[in-house]
């Protein structure tokens, strides 16, 4: 995954507005734990597409 650091600094979780951290091929919310997929280096920030924490 090749995401711009500046992009990671400004995007937030659409559900709780928590900060996102890159982990593997996902962006994981530090607030609620939802994991958003990154497809072709594009974050898919849709709550319906997010993996819920286990």
N, C-alpha and C. Protein backbone atom coordinates (compact mmCIF):
# COMPACT_ATOMS: atom_id res chain seq x y z
N UNK A 1 0.85 -1.16 0.00
CA UNK A 1 0.00 0.00 0.00
C UNK A 1 0.90 1.23 0.00
N UNK A 2 0.59 2.16 -0.87
CA UNK A 2 1.41 3.35 -1.02
C UNK A 2 0.52 4.59 -0.88
N UNK A 3 0.28 5.00 0.38
CA UNK A 3 -0.56 6.17 0.63
C UNK A 3 0.30 7.34 1.07
N UNK A 4 -0.07 8.52 0.61
CA UNK A 4 0.63 9.75 0.95
C UNK A 4 0.48 10.05 2.44
N UNK A 5 1.57 10.38 3.10
CA UNK A 5 1.54 10.70 4.54
C UNK A 5 0.59 11.87 4.82
N UNK A 6 0.57 12.86 3.94
CA UNK A 6 -0.32 14.01 4.14
C UNK A 6 -1.78 13.58 4.09
N UNK A 7 -2.10 12.63 3.24
CA UNK A 7 -3.47 12.13 3.16
C UNK A 7 -3.85 11.44 4.47
N UNK A 8 -2.95 10.61 4.98
CA UNK A 8 -3.22 9.92 6.25
C UNK A 8 -3.38 10.89 7.42
N UNK A 9 -2.76 12.06 7.32
CA UNK A 9 -2.88 13.06 8.38
C UNK A 9 -4.24 13.74 8.39
N UNK A 10 -4.94 13.77 7.25
CA UNK A 10 -6.20 14.52 7.20
C UNK A 10 -7.45 13.65 7.16
N UNK A 11 -7.34 12.41 6.68
CA UNK A 11 -8.55 11.59 6.63
C UNK A 11 -8.84 10.99 8.00
N UNK A 12 -10.12 10.82 8.28
CA UNK A 12 -10.56 10.26 9.56
C UNK A 12 -11.63 9.21 9.31
N UNK A 13 -11.92 8.45 10.33
CA UNK A 13 -12.97 7.44 10.26
C UNK A 13 -14.31 8.14 10.00
N UNK A 14 -15.06 7.70 8.99
CA UNK A 14 -16.35 8.32 8.73
C UNK A 14 -17.40 7.99 9.79
N UNK A 15 -17.14 6.99 10.62
CA UNK A 15 -18.11 6.59 11.64
C UNK A 15 -17.94 7.39 12.93
N UNK A 16 -16.70 7.41 13.47
CA UNK A 16 -16.49 8.06 14.78
C UNK A 16 -15.53 9.26 14.71
N UNK A 17 -14.96 9.51 13.53
CA UNK A 17 -14.02 10.61 13.30
C UNK A 17 -12.68 10.40 14.01
N UNK A 18 -12.36 9.14 14.34
CA UNK A 18 -11.07 8.82 14.93
C UNK A 18 -9.98 8.80 13.87
N UNK A 19 -8.73 8.84 14.30
CA UNK A 19 -7.60 8.82 13.37
C UNK A 19 -7.42 7.41 12.80
N UNK A 20 -6.88 7.35 11.59
CA UNK A 20 -6.67 6.08 10.89
C UNK A 20 -5.18 5.78 10.80
N UNK A 21 -4.85 4.50 10.97
CA UNK A 21 -3.46 4.03 10.90
C UNK A 21 -3.40 2.91 9.88
N UNK A 22 -2.38 2.94 9.01
CA UNK A 22 -2.20 1.90 8.00
C UNK A 22 -1.70 0.63 8.66
N UNK A 23 -2.41 -0.48 8.41
CA UNK A 23 -2.00 -1.80 8.88
C UNK A 23 -2.26 -2.79 7.75
N UNK A 24 -1.18 -3.26 7.13
CA UNK A 24 -1.33 -4.17 6.00
C UNK A 24 -2.02 -3.46 4.85
N UNK A 25 -3.09 -4.05 4.35
CA UNK A 25 -3.86 -3.47 3.25
C UNK A 25 -5.14 -2.81 3.75
N UNK A 26 -5.11 -2.31 4.98
CA UNK A 26 -6.27 -1.67 5.58
C UNK A 26 -5.86 -0.40 6.31
N UNK A 27 -6.85 0.46 6.53
CA UNK A 27 -6.70 1.60 7.42
C UNK A 27 -7.57 1.31 8.63
N UNK A 28 -6.97 1.26 9.80
CA UNK A 28 -7.68 0.89 11.02
C UNK A 28 -7.91 2.13 11.87
N UNK A 29 -9.15 2.30 12.31
CA UNK A 29 -9.51 3.43 13.16
C UNK A 29 -9.01 3.19 14.57
N UNK A 30 -8.33 4.19 15.13
CA UNK A 30 -7.82 4.10 16.49
C UNK A 30 -8.92 4.31 17.52
N UNK A 31 -10.07 4.85 17.09
CA UNK A 31 -11.18 5.08 18.00
C UNK A 31 -12.09 3.89 18.15
N UNK A 32 -12.72 3.48 17.04
CA UNK A 32 -13.73 2.42 17.10
C UNK A 32 -13.23 1.07 16.61
N UNK A 33 -12.05 1.03 15.97
CA UNK A 33 -11.48 -0.23 15.54
C UNK A 33 -11.91 -0.73 14.17
N UNK A 34 -12.81 0.01 13.49
CA UNK A 34 -13.21 -0.43 12.15
C UNK A 34 -11.99 -0.42 11.23
N UNK A 35 -11.91 -1.42 10.35
CA UNK A 35 -10.79 -1.55 9.42
C UNK A 35 -11.32 -1.35 8.00
N UNK A 36 -10.85 -0.30 7.35
CA UNK A 36 -11.30 0.05 6.00
C UNK A 36 -10.32 -0.50 4.98
N UNK A 37 -10.82 -1.15 3.92
CA UNK A 37 -9.92 -1.70 2.91
C UNK A 37 -9.29 -0.60 2.06
N UNK A 38 -8.12 -0.91 1.51
CA UNK A 38 -7.46 -0.04 0.54
C UNK A 38 -7.34 -0.86 -0.73
N UNK A 39 -7.97 -0.38 -1.80
CA UNK A 39 -7.96 -1.10 -3.08
C UNK A 39 -7.26 -0.26 -4.12
N UNK A 40 -6.23 -0.81 -4.74
CA UNK A 40 -5.43 -0.09 -5.74
C UNK A 40 -4.94 1.25 -5.20
N UNK A 41 -4.47 1.25 -3.96
CA UNK A 41 -3.96 2.44 -3.26
C UNK A 41 -5.01 3.52 -3.05
N UNK A 42 -6.29 3.15 -3.06
CA UNK A 42 -7.39 4.08 -2.80
C UNK A 42 -8.15 3.60 -1.57
N UNK A 43 -8.18 4.42 -0.50
CA UNK A 43 -8.93 4.03 0.69
C UNK A 43 -10.43 3.99 0.41
N UNK A 44 -11.08 2.92 0.82
CA UNK A 44 -12.53 2.79 0.67
C UNK A 44 -13.14 3.09 2.03
N UNK A 45 -13.47 4.36 2.24
CA UNK A 45 -13.94 4.82 3.55
C UNK A 45 -15.46 4.77 3.64
N UNK A 46 -15.99 3.59 3.44
CA UNK A 46 -17.43 3.36 3.56
C UNK A 46 -17.65 2.43 4.75
N UNK A 47 -18.49 2.85 5.67
CA UNK A 47 -18.75 2.05 6.87
C UNK A 47 -19.25 0.66 6.49
N UNK A 48 -20.08 0.58 5.43
CA UNK A 48 -20.61 -0.72 5.00
C UNK A 48 -19.52 -1.66 4.47
N UNK A 49 -18.40 -1.12 4.04
CA UNK A 49 -17.29 -1.92 3.51
C UNK A 49 -16.26 -2.26 4.59
N UNK A 50 -16.37 -1.64 5.75
CA UNK A 50 -15.37 -1.82 6.81
C UNK A 50 -15.54 -3.16 7.51
N UNK A 51 -14.39 -3.70 7.95
CA UNK A 51 -14.37 -4.92 8.74
C UNK A 51 -14.50 -4.52 10.20
N UNK A 52 -15.43 -5.14 10.89
CA UNK A 52 -15.66 -4.81 12.30
C UNK A 52 -14.62 -5.50 13.18
N UNK A 53 -14.23 -4.87 14.29
CA UNK A 53 -13.24 -5.49 15.18
C UNK A 53 -13.79 -6.78 15.79
N UNK A 54 -12.89 -7.73 16.01
CA UNK A 54 -13.33 -9.01 16.58
C UNK A 54 -13.15 -9.05 18.08
